Amino acid sequence: MEVIEGCRLPVLRRNQENEDEWPLAEILSVKDISGRKVFYVHYIDFNKRLDEWVTPERLDLKKIQFPKKEAKTPTKNGLPGSRPSSPERDLKTLDLSLHTSAAGIGKTIPTPGLPYLASSASLQRVPVVKIPDRTNSIENVTKNLLSKRKLEAVSLTTQCSPATPVAPTPEIPTPVFAQQNGSVRRPVSAVAGRKRKAGCLGTDEDSQDSSDGIPSAPRMTGSLVSDRSHDDIVTRMKNIECIELGRHRLKPWYFSPYPQELTSLPVLYLCEFCLKYLKSLKCLQRHLTKCNLRHPPGNEIYRKGTISFFEIDGRKNKNYSQNLCLLAKCFLDHKTLYYDTDPFLFYVMTEYDCKGFHIVGYFSKEKESTEDYNVACILTLPPYQRRGYGKLLIEFSYELSKVEGKTGTPEKPLSDLGLLSYRSYWSQTILEILMELKSENGERPQITINEISELTSIKKEDVISTLQYLNLINYYKGQYILTLSEDIVEGHEKAMMKRHLRIDSKCLHFTPKDWSKRGKW
């Protein structure tokens, strides 16, 4: 029995607990190495970063499903036509039970909608109540194949379609109060809030992770979500085996359109300061004798301890920006790759030692965003993940928004890891605000959604979705209140004790520019 591309069958892999499992996988490619066949597989319902080459011993051939051949079907005008392959498979066995024991990765929990709070026309006072017993948790290519317009690698993580629209909903007729310890304060007169685009708040999994609302017309000034309908077998497969960046060796997760001649190399070498790619260690050593950079090009706008941030203009430092995008595309799957970096600013976070400033991660943003986006794509390099740097990048992006006097939100959809990081940051930041509220004259503290948004620069729709995610909103005696249980408070305090890296606004030296004046480009 010959295994061909498009077949599906169980494949043996080790899970995070180092246990054997047999998830269903699709064969994307077959190649012959020294007379021995190996198969490139994608595990169905798993993230693409887990795709890998496997040997025949790991395939369960008893339960193989062959792809159906394309069937000719008549079209509307009666002429014969063809349709794409059906996802159904010809089963070569009656035993359909699979050995899969792993669930899909990166799925979010649906949260109930809160239509009334989504209203943006009025400021409502939301009472904050602490109650003892509630459980909850806080933590949370080949160059676009002959594309005429050369484009920039932009994600999360991060990543940009608007959230799924919902129908407009009526406003709350009565003031919303909150309670913390006793009586309720008198209503505050409603004030017209800033108008938002209709339908920004989705009621599906969450308002952040909507991947099907692709813009009807491309925005020429910003990044776009990669259109999955144009995926081909080349861009679905990782093409770089290994990247050496400074003292780290990185194993890419996704396809990145580096030059074709470099994809067959066992290791791709990058200069860690200018990010130029080279084919051998000898070429890298020769390059380092000529490369004068010891930090990213651009202006250093923040430094505290060993952490620095550099602002890089995608027009003035095009080579560096394009190299950064190529590197980032190895670890980001949700964004189209662009080579036109002019409309973007890049903020690169570095760690300093005696050898120079070493890149830790970065985020990019549009110089002009009509959608209030303050992040286009965000990435912490794998060697620095799970050390608090991702949240530091997010915090820095909102610190810039505060200086600009705006609220901001990341481009959608977020990657699975990006969504986790943002959820965690939003939760901790909002809970920090709520727990610092002081009661006046024995009255329960009160705050509005708009006030939370203004204090944190988090867009109002993200504030609402986070309150829903944490299940803090309750309806009590005809009004909406926020309830903080002991478990929520305790979990938040533990999380904040672990969060050692924070942005110090006093160390930020940043002056926003008016990019609407094209002369500044």
Protein backbone atom coordinates (compact mmCIF):
# COMPACT_ATOMS: atom_id res chain seq x y z
CA MET A 1 0.00 0.00 0.00
CA GLU A 2 1.55 3.29 -1.13
CA VAL A 3 1.15 6.35 1.06
CA ILE A 4 0.60 9.44 -1.10
CA GLU A 5 0.12 13.15 -0.48
CA GLY A 6 -3.34 13.93 0.85
CA CYS A 7 -3.72 10.68 2.78
CA ARG A 8 -4.90 10.86 6.37
CA LEU A 9 -3.95 8.34 9.00
CA PRO A 10 -2.97 8.13 12.69
CA VAL A 11 0.67 9.05 13.37
CA LEU A 12 2.63 8.30 16.52
CA ARG A 13 3.90 11.32 18.46
CA ARG A 14 4.91 12.22 22.00
CA ASN A 15 2.75 14.73 23.86
CA GLN A 16 3.83 17.26 26.51
CA GLU A 17 3.59 14.59 29.21
CA ASN A 18 6.02 12.47 27.16
CA GLU A 19 3.28 9.92 26.49
CA ASP A 20 2.61 8.21 23.18
CA GLU A 21 -0.51 9.24 21.25
CA TRP A 22 -1.92 8.62 17.78
CA PRO A 23 -3.58 11.80 16.47
CA LEU A 24 -4.98 11.89 12.94
CA ALA A 25 -2.57 13.54 10.50
CA GLU A 26 -2.49 14.50 6.83
CA ILE A 27 0.44 13.69 4.56
CA LEU A 28 1.58 16.94 2.95
CA SER A 29 4.74 15.75 1.24
CA VAL A 30 6.80 12.63 0.62
CA LYS A 31 10.51 12.57 -0.12
CA ASP A 32 13.24 9.98 -0.49
CA ILE A 33 16.40 10.25 1.63
CA SER A 34 19.08 7.66 0.87
CA GLY A 35 16.49 5.22 -0.48
CA ARG A 36 14.23 5.63 2.55
CA LYS A 37 10.91 7.47 2.39
CA VAL A 38 9.99 10.11 4.95
CA PHE A 39 6.66 11.92 5.24
CA TYR A 40 5.84 15.51 6.17
CA VAL A 41 2.67 15.43 8.29
CA HIS A 42 0.23 17.98 9.65
CA TYR A 43 -1.67 16.85 12.76
CA ILE A 44 -5.36 17.64 12.23
CA ASP A 45 -6.69 20.24 14.75
CA PHE A 46 -3.14 20.86 16.02
CA ASN A 47 -1.11 24.02 15.44
CA LYS A 48 1.06 23.97 12.31
CA ARG A 49 4.21 24.52 14.38
CA LEU A 50 3.95 20.84 15.39
CA ASP A 51 4.19 19.66 11.75
CA GLU A 52 7.21 17.43 11.17
CA TRP A 53 8.94 14.81 9.02
CA VAL A 54 8.25 11.26 10.22
CA THR A 55 9.47 7.80 9.28
CA PRO A 56 7.19 4.98 8.03
CA GLU A 57 7.37 3.22 11.42
CA ARG A 58 5.26 5.99 12.97
CA LEU A 59 2.35 5.58 10.53
CA ASP A 60 -0.71 3.41 11.31
CA LEU A 61 -1.38 2.05 7.81
CA LYS A 62 -4.36 -0.03 8.95
CA LYS A 63 -6.51 3.09 9.22
CA ILE A 64 -5.35 5.02 6.19
CA GLN A 65 -7.88 7.27 4.41
CA PHE A 66 -7.12 8.05 0.76
CA PRO A 67 -8.24 11.37 -0.73
CA LYS A 68 -11.20 11.23 -3.09
CA LYS A 69 -10.51 11.96 -6.72
CA GLU A 70 -11.94 15.16 -8.13
CA ALA A 71 -15.40 14.55 -9.57
CA LYS A 72 -16.64 16.31 -12.69
CA THR A 73 -19.94 18.09 -11.95
CA PRO A 74 -22.25 20.10 -14.19
CA THR A 75 -22.24 23.84 -13.63
CA LYS A 76 -25.22 26.23 -13.70
CA ASN A 77 -25.07 26.69 -17.46
CA GLY A 78 -24.95 22.97 -18.01
CA LEU A 79 -21.29 22.83 -18.97
CA PRO A 80 -19.05 20.34 -17.20
CA GLY A 81 -16.96 21.72 -14.42
CA SER A 82 -14.74 20.48 -11.66
CA ARG A 83 -14.98 20.94 -7.95
CA PRO A 84 -12.25 20.85 -5.34
CA SER A 85 -11.42 17.66 -3.56
CA SER A 86 -13.95 16.65 -0.97
CA PRO A 87 -12.69 16.40 2.59
CA GLU A 88 -14.34 13.00 2.80
CA ARG A 89 -11.99 10.08 2.49
CA ASP A 90 -12.28 6.54 1.13
CA LEU A 91 -11.96 4.45 4.22
CA LYS A 92 -9.88 1.32 3.71
CA THR A 93 -11.00 -0.08 7.05
CA LEU A 94 -14.28 -0.36 8.93
CA ASP A 95 -12.56 0.45 12.20
CA LEU A 96 -12.92 4.21 12.41
CA SER A 97 -11.83 4.60 16.02
CA LEU A 98 -8.59 6.56 16.20
CA HIS A 99 -5.93 6.53 18.85
CA THR A 100 -6.18 10.28 19.26
CA SER A 101 -6.00 11.46 22.81
CA ALA A 102 -5.02 15.08 22.31
CA ALA A 103 -7.50 17.87 21.82
CA GLY A 104 -6.98 20.74 19.44
CA ILE A 105 -4.46 23.34 20.46
CA GLY A 106 -5.05 27.02 20.86
CA LYS A 107 -8.85 27.05 21.18
CA THR A 108 -10.54 29.60 23.37
CA ILE A 109 -13.53 29.30 25.64
CA PRO A 110 -16.70 30.99 24.38
CA THR A 111 -17.94 33.78 26.59
CA PRO A 112 -21.50 34.98 26.88
CA GLY A 113 -22.32 38.27 25.20
CA LEU A 114 -23.16 41.37 27.15
CA PRO A 115 -25.16 43.45 24.68
CA TYR A 116 -26.07 46.32 26.95
CA LEU A 117 -22.54 47.01 28.14
CA ALA A 118 -21.41 47.14 24.52
CA SER A 119 -23.30 50.38 24.08
CA SER A 120 -20.85 53.22 23.52
CA ALA A 121 -23.17 56.19 23.85
CA SER A 122 -23.22 56.54 27.61
CA LEU A 123 -20.93 56.28 30.59
CA GLN A 124 -22.40 53.98 33.22
CA ARG A 125 -21.20 53.58 36.76
CA VAL A 126 -20.34 49.95 37.43
CA PRO A 127 -20.34 48.91 41.07
CA VAL A 128 -17.46 46.73 42.24
CA VAL A 129 -18.34 44.07 44.79
CA LYS A 130 -16.04 41.70 46.65
CA ILE A 131 -17.76 38.43 47.48
CA PRO A 132 -16.19 35.39 49.16
CA ASP A 133 -17.07 32.37 47.08
CA ARG A 134 -16.56 32.43 43.36
CA THR A 135 -14.05 30.39 41.48
CA ASN A 136 -12.21 31.90 38.59
CA SER A 137 -8.75 32.20 37.19
CA ILE A 138 -6.88 35.17 35.76
CA GLU A 139 -3.89 33.76 33.94
CA ASN A 140 -4.51 33.57 31.04
CA VAL A 141 5.68 32.55 0.43
CA THR A 142 8.14 31.74 -1.87
CA LYS A 143 7.61 35.50 -1.69
CA ASN A 144 3.83 35.27 -1.90
CA LEU A 145 4.54 33.40 -5.09
CA LEU A 146 5.20 35.86 -7.89
CA SER A 147 3.22 38.61 -6.21
CA LYS A 148 3.83 41.81 -8.14
CA ARG A 149 3.77 43.99 -5.08
CA LYS A 150 6.58 43.02 -2.78
CA LEU A 151 5.34 42.90 0.72
CA GLU A 152 6.57 42.99 4.84
CA ALA A 153 6.48 40.08 7.29
CA VAL A 154 3.99 41.00 9.90
CA SER A 155 2.16 38.77 12.31
CA LEU A 156 0.67 37.71 16.63
CA THR A 157 1.08 36.43 17.29
CA THR A 158 0.94 38.23 16.70
CA GLN A 159 -1.75 38.79 12.93
CA CYS A 160 -5.93 41.75 10.84
CA SER A 161 -9.43 41.47 10.27
CA PRO A 162 -12.07 43.25 12.28
CA ALA A 163 -13.98 41.30 14.87
CA THR A 164 -17.17 39.55 13.81
CA PRO A 165 -19.87 42.19 13.63
CA VAL A 166 -23.01 41.97 15.73
CA ALA A 167 -26.25 43.85 15.52
CA PRO A 168 -26.45 47.13 17.46
CA THR A 169 -28.12 46.80 20.83
CA PRO A 170 -30.11 49.15 23.03
CA GLU A 171 -28.49 51.13 25.81
CA ILE A 172 -29.03 50.48 29.49
CA PRO A 173 -31.86 52.75 30.53
CA THR A 174 -30.81 53.04 34.15
CA PRO A 175 -27.42 53.96 35.65
CA VAL A 176 -25.12 51.01 36.40
CA PHE A 177 -23.84 50.99 39.97
CA ALA A 178 -21.36 48.89 41.75
CA GLN A 179 -20.90 47.83 45.26
CA GLN A 180 -17.95 47.04 47.38
CA ASN A 181 -18.89 47.55 50.97
CA GLY A 182 -22.36 48.85 51.61
CA SER A 183 -24.42 51.66 50.22
CA VAL A 184 -24.69 52.87 46.69
CA ARG A 185 -23.64 56.27 45.40
CA ARG A 186 -26.13 58.49 43.54
CA PRO A 187 -26.30 58.16 39.75
CA VAL A 188 -23.78 60.03 37.65
CA SER A 189 -25.27 61.84 34.68
CA ALA A 190 -24.64 60.12 31.38
CA VAL A 191 -21.97 61.67 29.19
CA ALA A 192 -21.68 61.03 25.49
CA GLY A 193 -18.69 58.77 24.92
CA ARG A 194 -16.45 58.53 21.89
CA LYS A 195 -18.24 56.75 19.08
CA ARG A 196 -16.81 53.43 18.00
CA LYS A 197 -17.32 51.52 14.83
CA ALA A 198 -20.50 49.49 14.96
CA GLY A 199 -20.07 45.82 15.56
CA CYS A 200 -16.65 45.92 17.17
CA LEU A 201 -17.74 43.59 19.95
CA GLY A 202 -18.30 39.99 18.94
CA THR A 203 -20.18 37.46 21.01
CA ASP A 204 -18.45 34.37 19.61
CA GLU A 205 -15.38 32.83 21.21
CA ASP A 206 -14.24 36.33 22.00
CA SER A 207 -14.00 39.62 20.23
CA GLN A 208 -10.26 39.16 19.66
CA ASP A 209 -10.09 35.88 17.80
CA SER A 210 -12.29 36.38 14.79
CA SER A 211 -10.49 35.10 11.75
CA ASP A 212 -13.37 35.05 9.27
CA GLY A 213 -14.03 38.77 9.04
CA ILE A 214 -11.54 39.42 6.25
CA PRO A 215 -11.73 42.99 4.95
CA SER A 216 -13.57 43.36 1.68
CA ALA A 217 -10.87 45.67 0.31
CA PRO A 218 -7.18 45.57 1.24
CA ARG A 219 -5.79 48.47 3.26
CA MET A 220 -2.68 49.67 1.49
CA THR A 221 -1.25 51.27 4.64
CA GLY A 222 -1.23 48.24 6.89
CA SER A 223 -0.86 44.51 7.22
CA LEU A 224 -3.49 42.00 6.19
CA VAL A 225 -4.52 38.60 7.43
CA SER A 226 -3.05 35.89 5.28
CA ASP A 227 -5.72 34.50 3.00
CA ARG A 228 -5.83 30.75 3.62
CA SER A 229 -7.57 30.12 0.30
CA HIS A 230 -4.27 30.85 -1.47
CA ASP A 231 -2.20 28.52 0.67
CA ASP A 232 -0.31 25.95 -1.37
CA ILE A 233 1.72 22.94 -0.41
CA VAL A 234 4.96 24.98 -0.42
CA THR A 235 3.87 27.63 2.06
CA ARG A 236 2.23 25.04 4.34
CA MET A 237 5.58 23.38 5.03
CA LYS A 238 8.49 24.66 7.09
CA ASN A 239 11.32 25.38 4.71
CA ILE A 240 14.15 26.33 7.11
CA GLU A 241 15.66 23.57 9.23
CA CYS A 242 17.53 25.65 11.80
CA ILE A 243 18.56 29.27 12.39
CA GLU A 244 21.63 30.35 14.33
CA LEU A 245 21.16 33.80 15.89
CA GLY A 246 23.98 34.86 18.19
CA ARG A 247 24.37 32.24 20.89
CA HIS A 248 20.99 30.64 20.16
CA ARG A 249 19.91 28.01 17.65
CA LEU A 250 16.23 28.34 16.75
CA LYS A 251 13.99 25.73 15.16
CA PRO A 252 11.43 27.57 12.99
CA TRP A 253 7.72 26.85 13.41
CA TYR A 254 6.39 28.00 10.02
CA PHE A 255 7.30 28.79 6.41
CA SER A 256 9.28 31.97 5.73
CA PRO A 257 10.22 33.11 2.20
CA TYR A 258 13.98 33.19 2.52
CA PRO A 259 15.78 32.73 -0.84
CA GLN A 260 15.25 29.27 -2.25
CA GLU A 261 18.97 28.42 -2.31
CA LEU A 262 19.14 28.82 1.49
CA THR A 263 16.32 26.40 2.30
CA SER A 264 18.42 23.28 1.70
CA LEU A 265 21.07 24.30 4.25
CA PRO A 266 21.21 22.47 7.58
CA VAL A 267 21.70 25.82 9.37
CA LEU A 268 20.91 29.37 8.27
CA TYR A 269 23.19 31.93 9.96
CA LEU A 270 21.95 35.39 10.96
CA CYS A 271 23.92 38.38 12.21
CA GLU A 272 22.24 39.11 15.53
CA PHE A 273 22.69 42.88 15.15
CA CYS A 274 21.70 43.64 11.53
CA LEU A 275 19.80 40.31 10.99
CA LYS A 276 21.46 39.73 7.60
CA TYR A 277 21.17 36.07 6.55
CA LEU A 278 24.27 34.11 5.44
CA LYS A 279 24.79 30.60 4.16
CA SER A 280 27.76 29.48 6.26
CA LEU A 281 29.62 30.12 9.48
CA LYS A 282 32.63 31.34 7.51
CA CYS A 283 30.47 33.92 5.71
CA LEU A 284 29.07 35.04 9.06
CA GLN A 285 32.54 35.45 10.57
CA ARG A 286 33.62 37.48 7.55
CA HIS A 287 30.49 39.63 7.85
CA LEU A 288 31.04 40.31 11.56
CA THR A 289 34.43 41.85 10.82
CA LYS A 290 32.67 44.43 8.63
CA CYS A 291 29.37 44.93 10.50
CA ASN A 292 29.58 47.96 12.76
CA LEU A 293 26.16 47.58 14.38
CA ARG A 294 25.98 46.52 18.02
CA HIS A 295 22.34 47.51 18.46
CA PRO A 296 19.29 47.79 16.18
CA PRO A 297 19.34 50.88 13.92
CA GLY A 298 17.03 53.67 15.01
CA ASN A 299 16.41 55.64 18.19
CA GLU A 300 16.68 54.17 21.66
CA ILE A 301 13.53 55.43 23.34
CA TYR A 302 13.58 53.38 26.56
CA ARG A 303 16.25 51.96 28.85
CA LYS A 304 15.97 50.52 32.32
CA GLY A 305 18.60 48.13 33.62
CA THR A 306 19.59 45.85 30.77
CA ILE A 307 16.29 46.26 28.86
CA SER A 308 16.15 48.73 25.98
CA PHE A 309 13.61 49.55 23.26
CA PHE A 310 14.57 50.93 19.84
CA GLU A 311 12.15 52.64 17.46
CA ILE A 312 12.87 51.77 13.83
CA ASP A 313 11.24 53.44 10.85
CA GLY A 314 10.39 50.90 8.15
CA ARG A 315 11.17 53.46 5.44
CA LYS A 316 14.52 54.71 6.76
CA ASN A 317 15.84 51.25 7.74
CA LYS A 318 14.28 49.07 5.06
CA ASN A 319 16.91 46.30 4.96
CA TYR A 320 16.83 45.76 8.70
CA SER A 321 13.01 45.84 8.74
CA GLN A 322 12.71 43.29 5.94
CA ASN A 323 15.25 40.98 7.61
CA LEU A 324 13.32 41.29 10.87
CA CYS A 325 10.11 40.39 9.06
CA LEU A 326 11.67 37.31 7.47
CA LEU A 327 12.88 36.13 10.87
CA ALA A 328 9.51 36.84 12.49
CA LYS A 329 7.63 34.92 9.80
CA CYS A 330 9.40 31.74 10.97
CA PHE A 331 7.36 31.99 14.19
CA LEU A 332 4.16 33.74 13.05
CA ASP A 333 1.51 32.15 10.89
CA HIS A 334 -1.43 34.57 10.97
CA LYS A 335 -0.14 37.41 8.83
CA THR A 336 0.67 37.91 5.20
CA LEU A 337 4.30 38.61 4.45
CA TYR A 338 5.08 42.12 3.29
CA TYR A 339 8.19 43.65 1.78
CA ASP A 340 6.84 47.18 1.71
CA THR A 341 7.80 48.20 5.26
CA ASP A 342 7.31 51.96 4.70
CA PRO A 343 3.93 52.23 6.50
CA PHE A 344 5.29 50.58 9.68
CA LEU A 345 7.25 51.40 12.79
CA PHE A 346 9.14 48.59 14.55
CA TYR A 347 9.85 48.58 18.27
CA VAL A 348 12.64 46.14 19.07
CA MET A 349 13.27 45.04 22.66
CA THR A 350 16.87 44.14 23.48
CA GLU A 351 18.94 42.83 26.38
CA TYR A 352 22.32 44.50 26.90
CA ASP A 353 25.63 42.87 27.81
CA CYS A 354 29.29 43.60 27.10
CA LYS A 355 28.96 42.37 23.49
CA GLY A 356 26.02 44.60 22.58
CA PHE A 357 22.23 44.78 22.48
CA HIS A 358 20.72 41.36 21.74
CA ILE A 359 17.23 41.14 20.23
CA VAL A 360 14.62 39.58 22.53
CA GLY A 361 11.42 40.39 20.67
CA TYR A 362 9.61 43.16 18.85
CA PHE A 363 6.27 44.52 17.80
CA SER A 364 5.30 46.55 14.74
CA LYS A 365 2.56 49.11 14.31
CA GLU A 366 1.13 51.19 11.49
CA LYS A 367 2.17 54.80 11.34
CA GLU A 368 -1.45 55.63 10.62
CA SER A 369 -4.18 53.24 11.75
CA THR A 370 -7.84 53.90 11.00
CA GLU A 371 -8.85 51.02 13.29
CA ASP A 372 -7.10 52.16 16.51
CA TYR A 373 -4.51 49.37 16.16
CA ASN A 374 -1.46 49.87 18.36
CA VAL A 375 0.17 46.55 17.38
CA ALA A 376 0.29 44.94 13.95
CA CYS A 377 2.45 42.00 14.88
CA ILE A 378 4.19 41.00 18.07
CA LEU A 379 6.76 38.32 18.80
CA THR A 380 9.01 37.16 21.59
CA LEU A 381 11.76 34.91 20.20
CA PRO A 382 11.52 31.32 21.51
CA PRO A 383 14.66 31.44 23.74
CA TYR A 384 13.09 34.30 25.70
CA GLN A 385 9.54 32.99 25.98
CA ARG A 386 7.87 32.21 29.32
CA ARG A 387 10.05 34.80 31.08
CA GLY A 388 7.67 37.77 31.12
CA TYR A 389 9.03 39.49 28.00
CA GLY A 390 5.83 39.07 26.00
CA LYS A 391 3.78 40.90 28.62
CA LEU A 392 6.49 43.57 28.77
CA LEU A 393 6.15 44.13 25.00
CA ILE A 394 2.38 44.43 25.37
CA GLU A 395 2.72 46.82 28.30
CA PHE A 396 5.14 48.96 26.30
CA SER A 397 2.72 49.18 23.37
CA TYR A 398 0.02 50.50 25.69
CA GLU A 399 2.49 52.90 27.32
CA LEU A 400 3.08 54.41 23.86
CA SER A 401 -0.69 54.68 23.40
CA LYS A 402 -0.95 56.59 26.69
CA VAL A 403 1.66 59.09 25.49
CA GLU A 404 -0.25 59.43 22.20
CA GLY A 405 -3.47 59.99 24.15
CA LYS A 406 -5.26 57.13 22.41
CA THR A 407 -6.79 53.77 23.21
CA GLY A 408 -5.40 50.86 21.23
CA THR A 409 -5.95 47.23 20.37
CA PRO A 410 -3.90 44.57 18.56
CA GLU A 411 -4.77 43.54 15.02
CA LYS A 412 -6.99 40.48 14.78
CA PRO A 413 -6.90 37.57 14.69
CA LEU A 414 -4.33 36.89 17.37
CA SER A 415 -2.34 33.69 17.34
CA ASP A 416 -3.04 31.19 20.11
CA LEU A 417 0.00 32.30 22.11
CA GLY A 418 -0.73 35.95 21.39
CA LEU A 419 -4.29 35.63 22.64
CA LEU A 420 -3.09 34.00 25.86
CA SER A 421 -0.59 36.80 26.49
CA TYR A 422 -3.10 39.57 25.79
CA ARG A 423 -5.80 37.91 27.88
CA SER A 424 -3.40 37.64 30.79
CA TYR A 425 -2.22 41.26 30.42
CA TRP A 426 -5.74 42.68 30.10
CA SER A 427 -6.92 40.65 33.11
CA GLN A 428 -4.07 41.71 35.37
CA THR A 429 -4.24 45.37 34.32
CA ILE A 430 -8.01 45.69 34.79
CA LEU A 431 -7.99 43.83 38.10
CA GLU A 432 -5.16 46.09 39.27
CA ILE A 433 -7.40 49.13 38.60
CA LEU A 434 -10.44 47.59 40.30
CA MET A 435 -8.55 46.54 43.43
CA GLU A 436 -7.02 49.99 43.85
CA LEU A 437 -10.44 51.67 43.98
CA LYS A 438 -11.10 53.30 47.35
CA SER A 439 -14.51 53.65 48.91
CA GLU A 440 -15.62 57.17 49.84
CA ASN A 441 -17.63 57.80 53.00
CA GLY A 442 -18.32 54.11 53.38
CA GLU A 443 -19.85 53.90 49.91
CA ARG A 444 -18.98 51.20 47.46
CA PRO A 445 -16.41 52.28 44.86
CA GLN A 446 -17.74 52.93 41.36
CA ILE A 447 -16.11 53.12 37.95
CA THR A 448 -17.22 53.20 34.32
CA ILE A 449 -16.02 51.09 31.42
CA ASN A 450 -14.82 54.27 29.71
CA GLU A 451 -12.80 55.27 32.78
CA ILE A 452 -11.05 51.89 32.82
CA SER A 453 -10.30 52.34 29.11
CA GLU A 454 -8.90 55.85 29.64
CA LEU A 455 -6.72 54.77 32.58
CA THR A 456 -5.22 51.79 30.77
CA SER A 457 -5.48 52.84 27.06
CA ILE A 458 -7.11 49.43 26.46
CA LYS A 459 -9.90 49.75 23.91
CA LYS A 460 -13.36 49.58 25.46
CA GLU A 461 -14.36 46.44 23.54
CA ASP A 462 -11.32 44.63 24.97
CA VAL A 463 -12.23 45.78 28.50
CA ILE A 464 -15.75 44.38 28.14
CA SER A 465 -14.61 41.07 26.64
CA THR A 466 -12.05 40.65 29.46
CA LEU A 467 -14.67 41.30 32.15
CA GLN A 468 -16.84 38.69 30.45
CA TYR A 469 -13.93 36.27 30.19
CA LEU A 470 -13.26 36.64 33.93
CA ASN A 471 -17.00 36.33 34.61
CA LEU A 472 -16.95 39.45 36.78
CA ILE A 473 -20.18 41.00 35.45
CA ASN A 474 -23.39 40.15 37.27
CA TYR A 475 -26.93 41.47 37.18
CA TYR A 476 -28.16 42.42 40.65
CA LYS A 477 -31.40 44.21 41.54
CA GLY A 478 -31.89 45.68 38.11
CA GLN A 479 -28.33 46.83 37.55
CA TYR A 480 -24.97 45.47 36.37
CA ILE A 481 -22.30 45.08 39.02
CA LEU A 482 -18.73 43.75 39.06
CA THR A 483 -18.08 41.10 41.67
CA LEU A 484 -14.58 40.17 42.83
CA SER A 485 -14.42 36.86 44.66
CA GLU A 486 -11.69 35.89 47.10
CA ASP A 487 -10.35 33.41 44.56
CA ILE A 488 -10.05 36.16 41.93
CA VAL A 489 -8.27 38.47 44.36
CA GLU A 490 -5.94 35.75 45.63
CA GLY A 491 -5.11 34.54 42.11
CA HIS A 492 -4.39 38.10 40.98
CA GLU A 493 -2.06 38.77 43.91
CA LYS A 494 -0.10 35.57 43.20
CA ALA A 495 0.20 36.44 39.51
CA MET A 496 1.44 39.95 40.26
CA MET A 497 4.10 38.59 42.65
CA LYS A 498 5.55 36.59 39.73
CA ARG A 499 5.53 39.59 37.39
CA HIS A 500 8.93 41.16 38.01
CA LEU A 501 9.38 42.95 34.67
CA ARG A 502 7.39 46.20 34.39
CA ILE A 503 7.64 49.30 32.21
CA ASP A 504 8.75 52.44 34.06
CA SER A 505 7.12 55.41 32.31
CA LYS A 506 9.86 57.71 33.67
CA CYS A 507 12.42 55.88 31.53
CA LEU A 508 10.43 56.38 28.33
CA HIS A 509 11.64 59.19 26.04
CA PHE A 510 9.13 59.22 23.23
CA THR A 511 7.53 62.01 21.21
CA PRO A 512 4.65 60.94 18.95
CA LYS A 513 4.67 62.17 15.35
CA ASP A 514 1.76 63.23 13.19
CA TRP A 515 2.15 60.74 10.36
CA SER A 516 -0.79 62.23 8.47
CA LYS A 517 1.72 64.79 7.20
CA ARG A 518 3.43 62.78 4.47
CA GLY A 519 6.61 64.83 4.78
CA LYS A 520 7.34 62.97 8.03
CA TRP A 521 7.48 59.67 6.14
